[in-house]
Amino acid sequence: MSMKRSDDLRPVGLTSILDLIGSLLVITAIALAVAMYTLPGALATGGVLLLVLSWLIDRRTRT
């Protein structure tokens, strides 16, 4: 596994930051909706959605 240096990383634009914030807000809203029924389910849902978001971001940056 090779580590990336800061010189190798692409700059993050404002649009990417807004996309990330929007995605986190959607995940939070879904977790809060599930929390009305079950708190452990909300925590699990939020965790799974964060993992999916992380996987999608990593997948997009590799190509």
PDB file of N, CA and C in Angstrom:
ATOM      1  N   MET A   1       0.847  -1.166   0.000  1.00  0.00           N
ATOM      2  CA  MET A   1       0.000   0.000   0.000  1.00  0.00           C
ATOM      3  C   MET A   1       0.897   1.236   0.000  1.00  0.00           C
ATOM      4  N   SER A   2       0.714   2.077  -0.974  1.00  0.00           N
ATOM      5  CA  SER A   2       1.531   3.280  -1.052  1.00  0.00           C
ATOM      6  C   SER A   2       0.781   4.453  -0.426  1.00  0.00           C
ATOM      7  N   MET A   3       1.517   5.256   0.288  1.00  0.00           N
ATOM      8  CA  MET A   3       0.927   6.437   0.922  1.00  0.00           C
ATOM      9  C   MET A   3       1.057   7.620  -0.034  1.00  0.00           C
ATOM     10  N   LYS A   4       0.020   8.439  -0.099  1.00  0.00           N
ATOM     11  CA  LYS A   4       0.064   9.618  -0.949  1.00  0.00           C
ATOM     12  C   LYS A   4       0.668  10.775  -0.175  1.00  0.00           C
ATOM     13  N   ARG A   5       1.524  11.504  -0.855  1.00  0.00           N
ATOM     14  CA  ARG A   5       2.062  12.728  -0.258  1.00  0.00           C
ATOM     15  C   ARG A   5       1.096  13.854  -0.534  1.00  0.00           C
ATOM     16  N   SER A   6       1.228  14.927   0.205  1.00  0.00           N
ATOM     17  CA  SER A   6       0.323  16.060   0.018  1.00  0.00           C
ATOM     18  C   SER A   6       0.488  16.661  -1.379  1.00  0.00           C
ATOM     19  N   ASP A   7       1.659  16.481  -1.999  1.00  0.00           N
ATOM     20  CA  ASP A   7       1.866  16.995  -3.353  1.00  0.00           C
ATOM     21  C   ASP A   7       1.041  16.213  -4.377  1.00  0.00           C
ATOM     22  N   ASP A   8       0.738  14.938  -4.066  1.00  0.00           N
ATOM     23  CA  ASP A   8       0.020  14.077  -4.996  1.00  0.00           C
ATOM     24  C   ASP A   8      -1.492  14.253  -4.929  1.00  0.00           C
ATOM     25  N   LEU A   9      -2.003  14.893  -3.886  1.00  0.00           N
ATOM     26  CA  LEU A   9      -3.437  15.021  -3.702  1.00  0.00           C
ATOM     27  C   LEU A   9      -3.997  16.154  -4.542  1.00  0.00           C
ATOM     28  N   ARG A  10      -5.188  15.916  -5.081  1.00  0.00           N
ATOM     29  CA  ARG A  10      -5.843  16.955  -5.864  1.00  0.00           C
ATOM     30  C   ARG A  10      -6.452  17.990  -4.934  1.00  0.00           C
ATOM     31  N   PRO A  11      -6.503  19.249  -5.351  1.00  0.00           N
ATOM     32  CA  PRO A  11      -7.162  20.251  -4.514  1.00  0.00           C
ATOM     33  C   PRO A  11      -8.663  19.988  -4.467  1.00  0.00           C
ATOM     34  N   VAL A  12      -9.270  20.271  -3.336  1.00  0.00           N
ATOM     35  CA  VAL A  12     -10.702  20.060  -3.160  1.00  0.00           C
ATOM     36  C   VAL A  12     -11.399  21.379  -3.428  1.00  0.00           C
ATOM     37  N   GLY A  13     -12.348  21.357  -4.349  1.00  0.00           N
ATOM     38  CA  GLY A  13     -13.074  22.568  -4.707  1.00  0.00           C
ATOM     39  C   GLY A  13     -14.287  22.784  -3.827  1.00  0.00           C
ATOM     40  N   LEU A  14     -14.862  23.952  -3.965  1.00  0.00           N
ATOM     41  CA  LEU A  14     -16.044  24.325  -3.186  1.00  0.00           C
ATOM     42  C   LEU A  14     -17.212  23.390  -3.487  1.00  0.00           C
ATOM     43  N   THR A  15     -17.364  22.994  -4.737  1.00  0.00           N
ATOM     44  CA  THR A  15     -18.454  22.099  -5.103  1.00  0.00           C
ATOM     45  C   THR A  15     -18.326  20.762  -4.396  1.00  0.00           C
ATOM     46  N   SER A  16     -17.119  20.240  -4.297  1.00  0.00           N
ATOM     47  CA  SER A  16     -16.909  18.970  -3.608  1.00  0.00           C
ATOM     48  C   SER A  16     -17.246  19.086  -2.128  1.00  0.00           C
ATOM     49  N   ILE A  17     -16.890  20.192  -1.524  1.00  0.00           N
ATOM     50  CA  ILE A  17     -17.194  20.401  -0.106  1.00  0.00           C
ATOM     51  C   ILE A  17     -18.701  20.507   0.092  1.00  0.00           C
ATOM     52  N   LEU A  18     -19.379  21.232  -0.790  1.00  0.00           N
ATOM     53  CA  LEU A  18     -20.835  21.346  -0.685  1.00  0.00           C
ATOM     54  C   LEU A  18     -21.519  20.003  -0.917  1.00  0.00           C
ATOM     55  N   ASP A  19     -20.996  19.202  -1.845  1.00  0.00           N
ATOM     56  CA  ASP A  19     -21.537  17.863  -2.072  1.00  0.00           C
ATOM     57  C   ASP A  19     -21.381  17.007  -0.821  1.00  0.00           C
ATOM     58  N   LEU A  20     -20.232  17.084  -0.169  1.00  0.00           N
ATOM     59  CA  LEU A  20     -19.989  16.307   1.042  1.00  0.00           C
ATOM     60  C   LEU A  20     -20.922  16.747   2.167  1.00  0.00           C
ATOM     61  N   ILE A  21     -21.078  18.045   2.352  1.00  0.00           N
ATOM     62  CA  ILE A  21     -21.974  18.555   3.396  1.00  0.00           C
ATOM     63  C   ILE A  21     -23.413  18.130   3.111  1.00  0.00           C
ATOM     64  N   GLY A  22     -23.825  18.231   1.869  1.00  0.00           N
ATOM     65  CA  GLY A  22     -25.179  17.809   1.499  1.00  0.00           C
ATOM     66  C   GLY A  22     -25.396  16.329   1.745  1.00  0.00           C
ATOM     67  N   SER A  23     -24.416  15.519   1.415  1.00  0.00           N
ATOM     68  CA  SER A  23     -24.518  14.077   1.642  1.00  0.00           C
ATOM     69  C   SER A  23     -24.610  13.761   3.130  1.00  0.00           C
ATOM     70  N   LEU A  24     -23.813  14.451   3.941  1.00  0.00           N
ATOM     71  CA  LEU A  24     -23.858  14.230   5.385  1.00  0.00           C
ATOM     72  C   LEU A  24     -25.198  14.669   5.969  1.00  0.00           C
ATOM     73  N   LEU A  25     -25.769  15.753   5.444  1.00  0.00           N
ATOM     74  CA  LEU A  25     -27.088  16.191   5.914  1.00  0.00           C
ATOM     75  C   LEU A  25     -28.177  15.183   5.556  1.00  0.00           C
ATOM     76  N   VAL A  26     -28.084  14.593   4.377  1.00  0.00           N
ATOM     77  CA  VAL A  26     -29.056  13.569   3.980  1.00  0.00           C
ATOM     78  C   VAL A  26     -28.925  12.344   4.885  1.00  0.00           C
ATOM     79  N   ILE A  27     -27.697  11.928   5.164  1.00  0.00           N
ATOM     80  CA  ILE A  27     -27.466  10.788   6.058  1.00  0.00           C
ATOM     81  C   ILE A  27     -28.025  11.096   7.446  1.00  0.00           C
ATOM     82  N   THR A  28     -27.800  12.306   7.935  1.00  0.00           N
ATOM     83  CA  THR A  28     -28.316  12.696   9.244  1.00  0.00           C
ATOM     84  C   THR A  28     -29.844  12.682   9.254  1.00  0.00           C
ATOM     85  N   ALA A  29     -30.463  13.175   8.194  1.00  0.00           N
ATOM     86  CA  ALA A  29     -31.929  13.199   8.120  1.00  0.00           C
ATOM     87  C   ALA A  29     -32.502  11.782   8.124  1.00  0.00           C
ATOM     88  N   ILE A  30     -31.871  10.888   7.383  1.00  0.00           N
ATOM     89  CA  ILE A  30     -32.344   9.500   7.347  1.00  0.00           C
ATOM     90  C   ILE A  30     -32.190   8.854   8.717  1.00  0.00           C
ATOM     91  N   ALA A  31     -31.035   9.078   9.358  1.00  0.00           N
ATOM     92  CA  ALA A  31     -30.808   8.507  10.687  1.00  0.00           C
ATOM     93  C   ALA A  31     -31.804   9.063  11.704  1.00  0.00           C
ATOM     94  N   LEU A  32     -32.125  10.350  11.609  1.00  0.00           N
ATOM     95  CA  LEU A  32     -33.116  10.938  12.518  1.00  0.00           C
ATOM     96  C   LEU A  32     -34.509  10.391  12.266  1.00  0.00           C
ATOM     97  N   ALA A  33     -34.833  10.118  11.018  1.00  0.00           N
ATOM     98  CA  ALA A  33     -36.138   9.532  10.706  1.00  0.00           C
ATOM     99  C   ALA A  33     -36.245   8.125  11.294  1.00  0.00           C
ATOM    100  N   VAL A  34     -35.166   7.353  11.216  1.00  0.00           N
ATOM    101  CA  VAL A  34     -35.158   6.009  11.791  1.00  0.00           C
ATOM    102  C   VAL A  34     -35.169   6.093  13.311  1.00  0.00           C
ATOM    103  N   ALA A  35     -34.572   7.146  13.876  1.00  0.00           N
ATOM    104  CA  ALA A  35     -34.506   7.303  15.335  1.00  0.00           C
ATOM    105  C   ALA A  35     -35.888   7.474  15.952  1.00  0.00           C
ATOM    106  N   MET A  36     -36.875   7.880  15.179  1.00  0.00           N
ATOM    107  CA  MET A  36     -38.229   7.991  15.709  1.00  0.00           C
ATOM    108  C   MET A  36     -38.766   6.613  16.106  1.00  0.00           C
ATOM    109  N   TYR A  37     -38.230   5.565  15.495  1.00  0.00           N
ATOM    110  CA  TYR A  37     -38.688   4.210  15.769  1.00  0.00           C
ATOM    111  C   TYR A  37     -37.726   3.450  16.678  1.00  0.00           C
ATOM    112  N   THR A  38     -36.433   3.555  16.408  1.00  0.00           N
ATOM    113  CA  THR A  38     -35.456   2.818  17.195  1.00  0.00           C
ATOM    114  C   THR A  38     -34.105   3.528  17.142  1.00  0.00           C
ATOM    115  N   LEU A  39     -33.545   3.795  18.303  1.00  0.00           N
ATOM    116  CA  LEU A  39     -32.256   4.474  18.370  1.00  0.00           C
ATOM    117  C   LEU A  39     -31.101   3.593  17.880  1.00  0.00           C
ATOM    118  N   PRO A  40     -31.034   2.316  18.290  1.00  0.00           N
ATOM    119  CA  PRO A  40     -29.946   1.474  17.742  1.00  0.00           C
ATOM    120  C   PRO A  40     -30.020   1.336  16.220  1.00  0.00           C
ATOM    121  N   GLY A  41     -31.232   1.275  15.698  1.00  0.00           N
ATOM    122  CA  GLY A  41     -31.390   1.204  14.244  1.00  0.00           C
ATOM    123  C   GLY A  41     -30.908   2.474  13.562  1.00  0.00           C
ATOM    124  N   ALA A  42     -31.126   3.613  14.211  1.00  0.00           N
ATOM    125  CA  ALA A  42     -30.661   4.884  13.659  1.00  0.00           C
ATOM    126  C   ALA A  42     -29.143   4.943  13.629  1.00  0.00           C
ATOM    127  N   LEU A  43     -28.513   4.475  14.710  1.00  0.00           N
ATOM    128  CA  LEU A  43     -27.046   4.459  14.747  1.00  0.00           C
ATOM    129  C   LEU A  43     -26.487   3.514  13.687  1.00  0.00           C
ATOM    130  N   ALA A  44     -27.112   2.358  13.548  1.00  0.00           N
ATOM    131  CA  ALA A  44     -26.667   1.400  12.533  1.00  0.00           C
ATOM    132  C   ALA A  44     -26.869   1.957  11.124  1.00  0.00           C
ATOM    133  N   THR A  45     -28.022   2.570  10.898  1.00  0.00           N
ATOM    134  CA  THR A  45     -28.304   3.158   9.583  1.00  0.00           C
ATOM    135  C   THR A  45     -27.306   4.263   9.246  1.00  0.00           C
ATOM    136  N   GLY A  46     -27.048   5.143  10.199  1.00  0.00           N
ATOM    137  CA  GLY A  46     -26.077   6.212   9.969  1.00  0.00           C
ATOM    138  C   GLY A  46     -24.689   5.673   9.692  1.00  0.00           C
ATOM    139  N   GLY A  47     -24.282   4.665  10.445  1.00  0.00           N
ATOM    140  CA  GLY A  47     -22.961   4.067  10.230  1.00  0.00           C
ATOM    141  C   GLY A  47     -22.829   3.410   8.867  1.00  0.00           C
ATOM    142  N   VAL A  48     -23.846   2.658   8.485  1.00  0.00           N
ATOM    143  CA  VAL A  48     -23.813   2.004   7.173  1.00  0.00           C
ATOM    144  C   VAL A  48     -23.804   3.035   6.050  1.00  0.00           C
ATOM    145  N   LEU A  49     -24.616   4.061   6.168  1.00  0.00           N
ATOM    146  CA  LEU A  49     -24.652   5.087   5.123  1.00  0.00           C
ATOM    147  C   LEU A  49     -23.332   5.848   5.035  1.00  0.00           C
ATOM    148  N   LEU A  50     -22.672   6.080   6.172  1.00  0.00           N
ATOM    149  CA  LEU A  50     -21.346   6.719   6.137  1.00  0.00           C
ATOM    150  C   LEU A  50     -20.325   5.821   5.449  1.00  0.00           C
ATOM    151  N   LEU A  51     -20.391   4.514   5.718  1.00  0.00           N
ATOM    152  CA  LEU A  51     -19.484   3.586   5.033  1.00  0.00           C
ATOM    153  C   LEU A  51     -19.736   3.568   3.532  1.00  0.00           C
ATOM    154  N   VAL A  52     -21.002   3.584   3.137  1.00  0.00           N
ATOM    155  CA  VAL A  52     -21.339   3.613   1.705  1.00  0.00           C
ATOM    156  C   VAL A  52     -20.836   4.901   1.068  1.00  0.00           C
ATOM    157  N   LEU A  53     -21.034   6.029   1.749  1.00  0.00           N
ATOM    158  CA  LEU A  53     -20.539   7.305   1.219  1.00  0.00           C
ATOM    159  C   LEU A  53     -19.021   7.281   1.075  1.00  0.00           C
ATOM    160  N   SER A  54     -18.328   6.756   2.080  1.00  0.00           N
ATOM    161  CA  SER A  54     -16.876   6.658   2.015  1.00  0.00           C
ATOM    162  C   SER A  54     -16.439   5.772   0.851  1.00  0.00           C
ATOM    163  N   TRP A  55     -17.117   4.652   0.663  1.00  0.00           N
ATOM    164  CA  TRP A  55     -16.793   3.742  -0.431  1.00  0.00           C
ATOM    165  C   TRP A  55     -17.010   4.419  -1.785  1.00  0.00           C
ATOM    166  N   LEU A  56     -18.108   5.167  -1.918  1.00  0.00           N
ATOM    167  CA  LEU A  56     -18.384   5.859  -3.178  1.00  0.00           C
ATOM    168  C   LEU A  56     -17.340   6.935  -3.471  1.00  0.00           C
ATOM    169  N   ILE A  57     -16.913   7.658  -2.446  1.00  0.00           N
ATOM    170  CA  ILE A  57     -15.900   8.699  -2.646  1.00  0.00           C
ATOM    171  C   ILE A  57     -14.571   8.071  -3.037  1.00  0.00           C
ATOM    172  N   ASP A  58     -14.176   6.989  -2.348  1.00  0.00           N
ATOM    173  CA  ASP A  58     -12.925   6.313  -2.690  1.00  0.00           C
ATOM    174  C   ASP A  58     -12.970   5.732  -4.088  1.00  0.00           C
ATOM    175  N   ARG A  59     -14.113   5.181  -4.467  1.00  0.00           N
ATOM    176  CA  ARG A  59     -14.267   4.598  -5.791  1.00  0.00           C
ATOM    177  C   ARG A  59     -14.146   5.661  -6.877  1.00  0.00           C
ATOM    178  N   ARG A  60     -14.729   6.842  -6.604  1.00  0.00           N
ATOM    179  CA  ARG A  60     -14.698   7.933  -7.585  1.00  0.00           C
ATOM    180  C   ARG A  60     -13.284   8.502  -7.729  1.00  0.00           C
ATOM    181  N   THR A  61     -12.527   8.579  -6.633  1.00  0.00           N
ATOM    182  CA  THR A  61     -11.196   9.184  -6.704  1.00  0.00           C
ATOM    183  C   THR A  61     -10.150   8.244  -7.295  1.00  0.00           C
ATOM    184  N   ARG A  62     -10.416   6.942  -7.324  1.00  0.00           N
ATOM    185  CA  ARG A  62      -9.459   5.989  -7.899  1.00  0.00           C
ATOM    186  C   ARG A  62      -9.451   6.012  -9.405  1.00  0.00           C
ATOM    187  N   THR A  63     -10.580   6.381 -10.023  1.00  0.00           N
ATOM    188  CA  THR A  63     -10.660   6.341 -11.483  1.00  0.00           C
ATOM    189  C   THR A  63     -10.214   7.638 -12.097  1.00  0.00           C
TER     190      THR A  63
END
